[in-house]
């Protein structure tokens, strides 16, 4: 494993990146505003599993293969972008439909933690930029003389995913408090859900035009 100083630097950098808004954070916020804290936490755990997919793939070289192939990278990013845009559009649609059908609350019927978890996995697993990040960031802190490189990659990747998941859970609790505080203002809940949906659409479009890392 890296020296203590290097490890501390890695933890600091990973923490900063964990709290930087991305698809996972916006999905968790949208899911929490729509279905409550339980769904938000479930979706947070799902994004964590999706992140570990990239870590495991990176440790065995699969992610490097995807990033090396323009065709594979484009296919994965377009699928991920389409899924994010679809989620964003559905969030917008449901926010308006629920506001009309349930004007007293503006809240959505819960989809359940299991579905929120599955969607969280897909949101993160279908994001090739996550793979690019792990392959560009983690190797800088791997010490080839300190043990198996693949194992170091997995451990450091797990740390980063754990921080990301913790940040998402914090977002779920914060969004849950916002949702509870806005319970008496259905129009505010609708606007918050619409804003989250719009953010996911914007992220999906950004992913669609992302260039393959060199």
C-alpha atoms as a PDB file:
ATOM      1  CA  UNK A   1       0.000   0.000   0.000  1.00  0.00           C
ATOM      2  CA  UNK A   2       1.102   3.644  -0.434  1.00  0.00           C
ATOM      3  CA  UNK A   3       3.031   5.419   2.297  1.00  0.00           C
ATOM      4  CA  UNK A   4       1.025   7.184   4.981  1.00  0.00           C
ATOM      5  CA  UNK A   5       1.575  10.621   3.421  1.00  0.00           C
ATOM      6  CA  UNK A   6       0.469   9.399   0.009  1.00  0.00           C
ATOM      7  CA  UNK A   7      -2.520   7.644   1.534  1.00  0.00           C
ATOM      8  CA  UNK A   8      -3.571  10.822   3.345  1.00  0.00           C
ATOM      9  CA  UNK A   9      -3.284  12.750   0.076  1.00  0.00           C
ATOM     10  CA  UNK A  10      -5.378  10.111  -1.679  1.00  0.00           C
ATOM     11  CA  UNK A  11      -8.076  10.263   1.004  1.00  0.00           C
ATOM     12  CA  UNK A  12      -8.222  14.053   0.780  1.00  0.00           C
ATOM     13  CA  UNK A  13      -8.495  13.997  -3.013  1.00  0.00           C
ATOM     14  CA  UNK A  14     -11.070  11.202  -2.974  1.00  0.00           C
ATOM     15  CA  UNK A  15     -13.149  13.098  -0.408  1.00  0.00           C
ATOM     16  CA  UNK A  16     -13.173  16.240  -2.542  1.00  0.00           C
ATOM     17  CA  UNK A  17     -14.222  14.209  -5.563  1.00  0.00           C
ATOM     18  CA  UNK A  18     -16.885  12.398  -3.527  1.00  0.00           C
ATOM     19  CA  UNK A  19     -18.689  15.635  -2.670  1.00  0.00           C
ATOM     20  CA  UNK A  20     -18.458  16.986  -6.224  1.00  0.00           C
ATOM     21  CA  UNK A  21     -21.953  16.794  -7.780  1.00  0.00           C
ATOM     22  CA  UNK A  22     -22.332  14.072 -10.399  1.00  0.00           C
ATOM     23  CA  UNK A  23     -24.955  11.649 -11.773  1.00  0.00           C
ATOM     24  CA  UNK A  24     -25.075   9.632  -8.561  1.00  0.00           C
ATOM     25  CA  UNK A  25     -25.674  12.618  -6.290  1.00  0.00           C
ATOM     26  CA  UNK A  26     -28.382  14.068  -8.515  1.00  0.00           C
ATOM     27  CA  UNK A  27     -30.096  10.701  -8.866  1.00  0.00           C
ATOM     28  CA  UNK A  28     -30.057  10.182  -5.098  1.00  0.00           C
ATOM     29  CA  UNK A  29     -31.472  13.658  -4.520  1.00  0.00           C
ATOM     30  CA  UNK A  30     -34.227  13.116  -7.081  1.00  0.00           C
ATOM     31  CA  UNK A  31     -35.091   9.692  -5.720  1.00  0.00           C
ATOM     32  CA  UNK A  32     -35.248  11.035  -2.143  1.00  0.00           C
ATOM     33  CA  UNK A  33     -37.415  14.010  -3.081  1.00  0.00           C
ATOM     34  CA  UNK A  34     -39.751  11.673  -4.937  1.00  0.00           C
ATOM     35  CA  UNK A  35     -39.981   8.697  -2.605  1.00  0.00           C
ATOM     36  CA  UNK A  36     -38.440   9.619   0.718  1.00  0.00           C
ATOM     37  CA  UNK A  37     -35.291   8.931   2.693  1.00  0.00           C
ATOM     38  CA  UNK A  38     -35.473   5.122   2.528  1.00  0.00           C
ATOM     39  CA  UNK A  39     -35.428   5.175  -1.267  1.00  0.00           C
ATOM     40  CA  UNK A  40     -32.644   7.741  -1.229  1.00  0.00           C
ATOM     41  CA  UNK A  41     -30.446   5.576   0.994  1.00  0.00           C
ATOM     42  CA  UNK A  42     -31.221   2.497  -1.137  1.00  0.00           C
ATOM     43  CA  UNK A  43     -30.240   4.379  -4.289  1.00  0.00           C
ATOM     44  CA  UNK A  44     -27.024   5.516  -2.546  1.00  0.00           C
ATOM     45  CA  UNK A  45     -26.095   1.911  -1.847  1.00  0.00           C
ATOM     46  CA  UNK A  46     -26.930   1.089  -5.461  1.00  0.00           C
ATOM     47  CA  UNK A  47     -24.539   3.715  -6.785  1.00  0.00           C
ATOM     48  CA  UNK A  48     -21.905   2.232  -4.476  1.00  0.00           C
ATOM     49  CA  UNK A  49     -22.367  -1.200  -6.046  1.00  0.00           C
ATOM     50  CA  UNK A  50     -22.217   0.401  -9.490  1.00  0.00           C
ATOM     51  CA  UNK A  51     -18.951   2.078  -8.522  1.00  0.00           C
ATOM     52  CA  UNK A  52     -17.494  -1.237  -7.381  1.00  0.00           C
ATOM     53  CA  UNK A  53     -18.305  -2.664 -10.816  1.00  0.00           C
ATOM     54  CA  UNK A  54     -15.843  -0.141 -12.258  1.00  0.00           C
ATOM     55  CA  UNK A  55     -13.269  -0.854  -9.566  1.00  0.00           C
ATOM     56  CA  UNK A  56     -13.366  -4.609 -10.183  1.00  0.00           C
ATOM     57  CA  UNK A  57     -13.336  -4.102 -13.945  1.00  0.00           C
ATOM     58  CA  UNK A  58     -10.396  -1.716 -13.644  1.00  0.00           C
ATOM     59  CA  UNK A  59      -8.432  -4.135 -11.487  1.00  0.00           C
ATOM     60  CA  UNK A  60      -8.605  -6.829 -14.178  1.00  0.00           C
ATOM     61  CA  UNK A  61      -8.120  -4.458 -17.109  1.00  0.00           C
ATOM     62  CA  UNK A  62     -11.638  -4.520 -18.559  1.00  0.00           C
ATOM     63  CA  UNK A  63     -12.107  -0.783 -18.111  1.00  0.00           C
ATOM     64  CA  UNK A  64      -8.802  -0.128 -19.861  1.00  0.00           C
ATOM     65  CA  UNK A  65     -10.041  -2.216 -22.786  1.00  0.00           C
ATOM     66  CA  UNK A  66     -13.274  -0.216 -22.986  1.00  0.00           C
ATOM     67  CA  UNK A  67     -11.430   3.101 -22.859  1.00  0.00           C
ATOM     68  CA  UNK A  68      -8.943   1.916 -25.479  1.00  0.00           C
ATOM     69  CA  UNK A  69     -11.737   1.067 -27.912  1.00  0.00           C
ATOM     70  CA  UNK A  70     -13.558   4.057 -29.370  1.00  0.00           C
ATOM     71  CA  UNK A  71     -16.493   1.855 -30.342  1.00  0.00           C
ATOM     72  CA  UNK A  72     -16.930   0.268 -26.913  1.00  0.00           C
ATOM     73  CA  UNK A  73     -16.514   3.582 -25.109  1.00  0.00           C
ATOM     74  CA  UNK A  74     -19.052   5.293 -27.378  1.00  0.00           C
ATOM     75  CA  UNK A  75     -21.569   2.471 -26.986  1.00  0.00           C
ATOM     76  CA  UNK A  76     -21.300   2.489 -23.191  1.00  0.00           C
ATOM     77  CA  UNK A  77     -21.451   6.260 -22.835  1.00  0.00           C
ATOM     78  CA  UNK A  78     -24.499   6.527 -25.124  1.00  0.00           C
ATOM     79  CA  UNK A  79     -26.347   3.841 -23.176  1.00  0.00           C
ATOM     80  CA  UNK A  80     -25.472   5.585 -19.921  1.00  0.00           C
ATOM     81  CA  UNK A  81     -26.406   9.001 -21.306  1.00  0.00           C
ATOM     82  CA  UNK A  82     -29.724   7.717 -22.634  1.00  0.00           C
ATOM     83  CA  UNK A  83     -30.518   6.143 -19.280  1.00  0.00           C
ATOM     84  CA  UNK A  84     -29.772   9.384 -17.412  1.00  0.00           C
ATOM     85  CA  UNK A  85     -31.842  11.450 -19.836  1.00  0.00           C
ATOM     86  CA  UNK A  86     -34.692   8.942 -19.556  1.00  0.00           C
ATOM     87  CA  UNK A  87     -34.559   9.115 -15.762  1.00  0.00           C
ATOM     88  CA  UNK A  88     -34.532  12.919 -15.905  1.00  0.00           C
ATOM     89  CA  UNK A  89     -37.479  13.076 -18.291  1.00  0.00           C
ATOM     90  CA  UNK A  90     -39.395  10.577 -16.190  1.00  0.00           C
ATOM     91  CA  UNK A  91     -38.653  12.607 -13.067  1.00  0.00           C
ATOM     92  CA  UNK A  92     -40.016  15.738 -14.748  1.00  0.00           C
ATOM     93  CA  UNK A  93     -43.079  13.905 -16.025  1.00  0.00           C
ATOM     94  CA  UNK A  94     -43.868  12.268 -12.708  1.00  0.00           C
ATOM     95  CA  UNK A  95     -43.331  15.511 -10.785  1.00  0.00           C
ATOM     96  CA  UNK A  96     -45.976  17.235 -12.903  1.00  0.00           C
ATOM     97  CA  UNK A  97     -48.316  14.257 -12.965  1.00  0.00           C
ATOM     98  CA  UNK A  98     -48.140  13.746  -9.209  1.00  0.00           C
ATOM     99  CA  UNK A  99     -48.677  17.464  -8.608  1.00  0.00           C
ATOM    100  CA  UNK A 100     -51.883  17.250 -10.638  1.00  0.00           C
ATOM    101  CA  UNK A 101     -53.041  13.948  -9.153  1.00  0.00           C
ATOM    102  CA  UNK A 102     -52.056  14.733  -5.561  1.00  0.00           C
ATOM    103  CA  UNK A 103     -52.252  18.513  -5.216  1.00  0.00           C
ATOM    104  CA  UNK A 104     -52.332  18.244  -1.433  1.00  0.00           C
ATOM    105  CA  UNK A 105     -48.809  16.816  -1.218  1.00  0.00           C
ATOM    106  CA  UNK A 106     -47.215  16.869  -4.667  1.00  0.00           C
ATOM    107  CA  UNK A 107     -45.352  13.721  -3.623  1.00  0.00           C
ATOM    108  CA  UNK A 108     -44.871  10.613  -5.706  1.00  0.00           C
ATOM    109  CA  UNK A 109     -46.025   7.114  -4.813  1.00  0.00           C
ATOM    110  CA  UNK A 110     -42.939   5.240  -3.553  1.00  0.00           C
ATOM    111  CA  UNK A 111     -41.253   2.876  -6.012  1.00  0.00           C
ATOM    112  CA  UNK A 112     -39.674   0.922  -3.170  1.00  0.00           C
ATOM    113  CA  UNK A 113     -36.059   0.565  -2.010  1.00  0.00           C
ATOM    114  CA  UNK A 114     -35.367  -2.421  -4.287  1.00  0.00           C
ATOM    115  CA  UNK A 115     -36.141  -0.540  -7.472  1.00  0.00           C
ATOM    116  CA  UNK A 116     -34.300   2.544  -6.214  1.00  0.00           C
ATOM    117  CA  UNK A 117     -31.281   0.317  -5.492  1.00  0.00           C
ATOM    118  CA  UNK A 118     -31.354  -1.257  -8.971  1.00  0.00           C
ATOM    119  CA  UNK A 119     -31.617   2.110 -10.683  1.00  0.00           C
ATOM    120  CA  UNK A 120     -28.708   3.414  -8.590  1.00  0.00           C
ATOM    121  CA  UNK A 121     -26.531   0.507  -9.722  1.00  0.00           C
ATOM    122  CA  UNK A 122     -27.312   1.234 -13.372  1.00  0.00           C
ATOM    123  CA  UNK A 123     -26.755   4.990 -13.067  1.00  0.00           C
ATOM    124  CA  UNK A 124     -23.192   4.448 -11.845  1.00  0.00           C
ATOM    125  CA  UNK A 125     -22.291   1.269 -13.731  1.00  0.00           C
ATOM    126  CA  UNK A 126     -23.284   2.782 -17.089  1.00  0.00           C
ATOM    127  CA  UNK A 127     -21.073   5.848 -16.622  1.00  0.00           C
ATOM    128  CA  UNK A 128     -17.763   5.286 -18.475  1.00  0.00           C
ATOM    129  CA  UNK A 129     -16.398   8.530 -17.033  1.00  0.00           C
ATOM    130  CA  UNK A 130     -16.285   6.727 -13.672  1.00  0.00           C
ATOM    131  CA  UNK A 131     -14.086   4.065 -15.233  1.00  0.00           C
ATOM    132  CA  UNK A 132     -11.879   6.761 -16.731  1.00  0.00           C
ATOM    133  CA  UNK A 133     -11.548   8.463 -13.360  1.00  0.00           C
ATOM    134  CA  UNK A 134     -10.499   5.302 -11.554  1.00  0.00           C
ATOM    135  CA  UNK A 135      -7.960   4.370 -14.232  1.00  0.00           C
ATOM    136  CA  UNK A 136      -6.483   7.879 -14.302  1.00  0.00           C
ATOM    137  CA  UNK A 137      -6.575   8.631 -10.582  1.00  0.00           C
ATOM    138  CA  UNK A 138      -5.900   5.460  -8.606  1.00  0.00           C
ATOM    139  CA  UNK A 139      -2.684   4.313 -10.373  1.00  0.00           C
ATOM    140  CA  UNK A 140      -0.975   7.515  -9.216  1.00  0.00           C
ATOM    141  CA  UNK A 141      -1.147   6.161  -5.668  1.00  0.00           C
ATOM    142  CA  UNK A 142      -0.256   2.530  -6.379  1.00  0.00           C
ATOM    143  CA  UNK A 143       3.191   1.395  -5.270  1.00  0.00           C
ATOM    144  CA  UNK A 144       4.400  -1.444  -7.503  1.00  0.00           C
ATOM    145  CA  UNK A 145       6.940  -2.465  -4.861  1.00  0.00           C
ATOM    146  CA  UNK A 146       4.404  -2.714  -2.041  1.00  0.00           C
ATOM    147  CA  UNK A 147       2.405  -5.729  -3.152  1.00  0.00           C
ATOM    148  CA  UNK A 148       0.033  -6.898  -5.883  1.00  0.00           C
ATOM    149  CA  UNK A 149      -1.010  -3.935  -8.015  1.00  0.00           C
ATOM    150  CA  UNK A 150      -4.499  -5.291  -8.678  1.00  0.00           C
ATOM    151  CA  UNK A 151      -5.147  -5.698  -4.952  1.00  0.00           C
ATOM    152  CA  UNK A 152      -3.934  -2.157  -4.219  1.00  0.00           C
ATOM    153  CA  UNK A 153      -6.181  -0.861  -7.002  1.00  0.00           C
ATOM    154  CA  UNK A 154      -9.179  -2.657  -5.504  1.00  0.00           C
ATOM    155  CA  UNK A 155      -8.504  -1.413  -1.968  1.00  0.00           C
ATOM    156  CA  UNK A 156      -8.019   2.198  -3.040  1.00  0.00           C
ATOM    157  CA  UNK A 157     -11.032   1.942  -5.307  1.00  0.00           C
ATOM    158  CA  UNK A 158     -13.134   0.574  -2.476  1.00  0.00           C
ATOM    159  CA  UNK A 159     -12.099   3.516  -0.289  1.00  0.00           C
ATOM    160  CA  UNK A 160     -13.160   5.964  -2.991  1.00  0.00           C
ATOM    161  CA  UNK A 161     -16.476   4.182  -3.534  1.00  0.00           C
ATOM    162  CA  UNK A 162     -17.109   4.124   0.217  1.00  0.00           C
ATOM    163  CA  UNK A 163     -16.564   7.884   0.415  1.00  0.00           C
ATOM    164  CA  UNK A 164     -18.830   8.434  -2.595  1.00  0.00           C
ATOM    165  CA  UNK A 165     -21.536   6.285  -1.020  1.00  0.00           C
ATOM    166  CA  UNK A 166     -21.234   8.113   2.302  1.00  0.00           C
ATOM    167  CA  UNK A 167     -21.574  11.450   0.490  1.00  0.00           C
ATOM    168  CA  UNK A 168     -24.657  10.171  -1.324  1.00  0.00           C
ATOM    169  CA  UNK A 169     -26.212   9.011   1.941  1.00  0.00           C
ATOM    170  CA  UNK A 170     -25.621  12.466   3.420  1.00  0.00           C
ATOM    171  CA  UNK A 171     -27.375  13.909   0.365  1.00  0.00           C
ATOM    172  CA  UNK A 172     -30.255  11.473   0.906  1.00  0.00           C
ATOM    173  CA  UNK A 173     -30.688  12.603   4.512  1.00  0.00           C
ATOM    174  CA  UNK A 174     -30.416  16.268   3.535  1.00  0.00           C
ATOM    175  CA  UNK A 175     -32.921  15.862   0.706  1.00  0.00           C
ATOM    176  CA  UNK A 176     -35.173  13.943   3.087  1.00  0.00           C
ATOM    177  CA  UNK A 177     -35.170  16.874   5.495  1.00  0.00           C
ATOM    178  CA  UNK A 178     -35.924  19.249   2.646  1.00  0.00           C
ATOM    179  CA  UNK A 179     -38.778  16.997   1.559  1.00  0.00           C
ATOM    180  CA  UNK A 180     -40.203  16.859   5.080  1.00  0.00           C
ATOM    181  CA  UNK A 181     -39.841  20.605   5.512  1.00  0.00           C
ATOM    182  CA  UNK A 182     -41.591  21.235   2.206  1.00  0.00           C
ATOM    183  CA  UNK A 183     -44.429  18.842   2.975  1.00  0.00           C
ATOM    184  CA  UNK A 184     -46.788  21.754   3.486  1.00  0.00           C
ATOM    185  CA  UNK A 185     -45.721  23.339   0.179  1.00  0.00           C
ATOM    186  CA  UNK A 186     -46.524  20.880  -2.638  1.00  0.00           C
ATOM    187  CA  UNK A 187     -45.443  23.361  -5.311  1.00  0.00           C
ATOM    188  CA  UNK A 188     -41.957  23.519  -3.779  1.00  0.00           C
ATOM    189  CA  UNK A 189     -41.656  19.719  -3.805  1.00  0.00           C
ATOM    190  CA  UNK A 190     -42.655  19.734  -7.459  1.00  0.00           C
ATOM    191  CA  UNK A 191     -40.069  22.380  -8.337  1.00  0.00           C
ATOM    192  CA  UNK A 192     -37.332  20.544  -6.439  1.00  0.00           C
ATOM    193  CA  UNK A 193     -38.148  17.310  -8.258  1.00  0.00           C
ATOM    194  CA  UNK A 194     -38.205  19.132 -11.582  1.00  0.00           C
ATOM    195  CA  UNK A 195     -34.825  20.699 -10.847  1.00  0.00           C
ATOM    196  CA  UNK A 196     -33.349  17.271 -10.058  1.00  0.00           C
ATOM    197  CA  UNK A 197     -34.807  15.856 -13.267  1.00  0.00           C
ATOM    198  CA  UNK A 198     -33.389  18.725 -15.311  1.00  0.00           C
ATOM    199  CA  UNK A 199     -29.976  18.206 -13.703  1.00  0.00           C
ATOM    200  CA  UNK A 200     -29.992  14.518 -14.674  1.00  0.00           C
ATOM    201  CA  UNK A 201     -30.927  15.414 -18.264  1.00  0.00           C
ATOM    202  CA  UNK A 202     -28.054  17.922 -18.376  1.00  0.00           C
ATOM    203  CA  UNK A 203     -25.631  15.312 -17.004  1.00  0.00           C
ATOM    204  CA  UNK A 204     -26.848  12.785 -19.563  1.00  0.00           C
ATOM    205  CA  UNK A 205     -26.247  15.244 -22.394  1.00  0.00           C
ATOM    206  CA  UNK A 206     -22.826  16.038 -20.953  1.00  0.00           C
ATOM    207  CA  UNK A 207     -21.993  12.333 -20.838  1.00  0.00           C
ATOM    208  CA  UNK A 208     -23.166  11.876 -24.435  1.00  0.00           C
ATOM    209  CA  UNK A 209     -20.684  14.460 -25.715  1.00  0.00           C
ATOM    210  CA  UNK A 210     -17.828  13.362 -23.445  1.00  0.00           C
ATOM    211  CA  UNK A 211     -14.627  12.517 -25.247  1.00  0.00           C
ATOM    212  CA  UNK A 212     -12.746   9.287 -24.722  1.00  0.00           C
ATOM    213  CA  UNK A 213      -9.847   9.847 -22.280  1.00  0.00           C
ATOM    214  CA  UNK A 214      -6.474   9.783 -23.975  1.00  0.00           C
END
